[in-house]
Amino acid sequence: MAASPYEGTFILAPTIVEDELDAAIEQVKTYITSRGGEITNTDTWGRRRMYHAIKGHRDGNYVLIDFTADPATVHDVEGSLRLDDAVIRSLIVRTDR
């Protein structure tokens, strides 16, 4: 199946210190690239206050990653992110840019 463009928004735990934050972002990018995806853009929004608590956290570190991948890869990445303790919420949507 052909690769399609996707946009992933990830909220990383606010308990992660600055050095660990970069490593956590690289780990998410590695999830994507090791499964055949290609990163096209990464935008770190920084720490933001959330409307409601998620997993006991009121703040989170927001990251937006644009990438291309096939649907099977996206499914694998979503499963990996659910198991990652650093990621408290993620959403991956297909874009038609």
Protein backbone atom coordinates (compact mmCIF):
# COMPACT_ATOMS: atom_id res chain seq x y z
CA MET A 1 0.00 0.00 0.00
CA ALA A 2 1.28 3.50 -0.83
CA ALA A 3 2.46 5.89 1.85
CA SER A 4 0.10 8.72 2.80
CA PRO A 5 0.72 11.96 4.69
CA TYR A 6 -0.17 11.99 8.39
CA GLU A 7 -0.09 14.50 11.21
CA GLY A 8 0.56 13.31 14.74
CA THR A 9 -0.02 15.42 17.83
CA PHE A 10 1.49 14.07 21.02
CA ILE A 11 1.25 15.26 24.61
CA LEU A 12 4.23 14.23 26.68
CA ALA A 13 4.16 14.13 30.48
CA PRO A 14 5.04 17.42 32.21
CA THR A 15 7.26 15.53 34.67
CA ILE A 16 9.85 15.04 31.93
CA VAL A 17 12.83 17.38 32.34
CA GLU A 18 14.26 19.29 29.35
CA ASP A 19 16.98 16.75 28.51
CA GLU A 20 14.54 13.85 28.68
CA LEU A 21 12.00 15.74 26.56
CA ASP A 22 14.29 15.80 23.53
CA ALA A 23 15.00 12.10 24.02
CA ALA A 24 11.26 11.33 24.26
CA ILE A 25 10.58 13.25 21.02
CA GLU A 26 13.40 11.35 19.29
CA GLN A 27 11.93 8.10 20.56
CA VAL A 28 8.55 8.93 18.98
CA LYS A 29 10.31 9.82 15.73
CA THR A 30 12.21 6.52 15.91
CA TYR A 31 8.90 4.64 16.30
CA ILE A 32 7.84 6.13 12.98
CA THR A 33 11.07 5.80 11.01
CA SER A 34 11.92 2.29 12.23
CA ARG A 35 8.60 1.08 10.84
CA GLY A 36 9.15 2.60 7.41
CA GLY A 37 7.73 6.10 7.89
CA GLU A 38 9.45 9.33 6.92
CA ILE A 39 9.41 12.47 9.10
CA THR A 40 8.67 15.63 7.10
CA ASN A 41 8.31 18.21 9.90
CA THR A 42 8.56 18.45 13.69
CA ASP A 43 7.14 21.35 15.67
CA THR A 44 7.52 21.52 19.45
CA TRP A 45 4.86 23.75 21.00
CA GLY A 46 6.23 23.51 24.53
CA ARG A 47 4.45 23.11 27.82
CA ARG A 48 0.77 24.06 27.82
CA ARG A 49 -2.10 23.94 30.29
CA MET A 50 -4.76 21.40 29.35
CA TYR A 51 -8.48 22.02 29.63
CA HIS A 52 -8.90 18.98 31.87
CA ALA A 53 -6.55 16.55 33.61
CA ILE A 54 -5.27 13.54 31.66
CA LYS A 55 -3.74 10.71 33.70
CA GLY A 56 -3.51 13.10 36.65
CA HIS A 57 -1.62 15.81 34.74
CA ARG A 58 -2.93 19.36 34.22
CA ASP A 59 -0.03 20.40 31.93
CA GLY A 60 1.67 18.67 29.04
CA ASN A 61 4.45 19.13 26.51
CA TYR A 62 2.87 19.35 23.05
CA VAL A 63 4.63 18.09 19.92
CA LEU A 64 3.38 18.03 16.31
CA ILE A 65 5.02 15.64 13.84
CA ASP A 66 4.17 15.50 10.14
CA PHE A 67 5.17 12.26 8.44
CA THR A 68 4.40 9.90 5.58
CA ALA A 69 3.73 6.21 6.14
CA ASP A 70 1.47 3.37 5.08
CA PRO A 71 -1.63 2.58 7.19
CA ALA A 72 -0.09 -0.56 8.73
CA THR A 73 2.84 1.49 10.00
CA VAL A 74 0.48 4.06 11.54
CA HIS A 75 -1.40 1.26 13.31
CA ASP A 76 1.88 -0.08 14.76
CA VAL A 77 2.99 3.39 15.85
CA GLU A 78 -0.34 4.05 17.60
CA GLY A 79 0.03 0.79 19.52
CA SER A 80 3.59 1.65 20.56
CA LEU A 81 2.55 5.11 21.74
CA ARG A 82 -0.21 3.68 23.94
CA LEU A 83 2.45 1.67 25.79
CA ASP A 84 4.91 4.56 26.20
CA ASP A 85 4.70 6.07 29.71
CA ALA A 86 6.07 9.42 28.50
CA VAL A 87 3.14 9.90 26.07
CA ILE A 88 -0.05 10.80 27.94
CA ARG A 89 -2.16 11.41 24.82
CA SER A 90 -1.68 11.08 21.07
CA LEU A 91 -3.73 11.59 17.95
CA ILE A 92 -2.68 10.67 14.43
CA VAL A 93 -4.81 11.80 11.49
CA ARG A 94 -4.36 11.42 7.76
CA THR A 95 -3.93 14.68 5.88
CA ASP A 96 -4.43 15.17 2.17
CA ARG A 97 -1.94 17.96 1.56
